[in-house]
């Protein structure tokens, strides 16, 4: 091979190597980057469902979880939030994701009034599909502590009424990490939540493919 040809091929090969390295590092950066930062680990807890069975929060590991803190006698924010979650439920069911890849959880602040029978009627009235919902209760102090662990303040006003932090809707990934906190009620942005759920499911798929 002539010196002239060598002088031509060497910088060309070097350029190809540089381009390949650049593509590799860009791909690695995109693969590790998530649209949703980790807020913190989701605290574990044990509460009871309406059949009196103990449910551990960590049993949802492997699924994306959308969890609300609520009480059924709430006059506005809680039922509106649940109603919007049910709309999301229907979209997820159409995609075949509800219950197997995405789990919804509702935790009541008011176990005294939110008896199992009351919770069943609430779920029926709002069309909450039990195949993908867990509706949980415990004693009031226990629930108050769990809410505080999730960054939610709640106060009992008496006569079955509570005030609580309006950002009481949490998105938790399959590794039991809180990834986003949403406003409830009228401020709840359902389209944004659906995109965030899709983002976490995609992230989970990529993570599984690397294992």
Foldseek 3Di string as FASTA:
>chain_A
DDPVVVVVVPVVVVVVVVVVVVVVVVVVVVLPDAPFDFPFFQDWDWFAFLVRDIDIPLVLAQAKEKEFEEALVDPFFVLQQLLLVVVVQVVCVVVVCALPRYAYEYEYLCCPPCHSVNVVVSCVVSVPDPSRYTYGYDDNVRVQVSQVSVVKHKDDPDPRDIDMDQQGIFIAANRRTTGDTFGTGPRGDSVVVVVNSVRRVVSVVSVVVVD
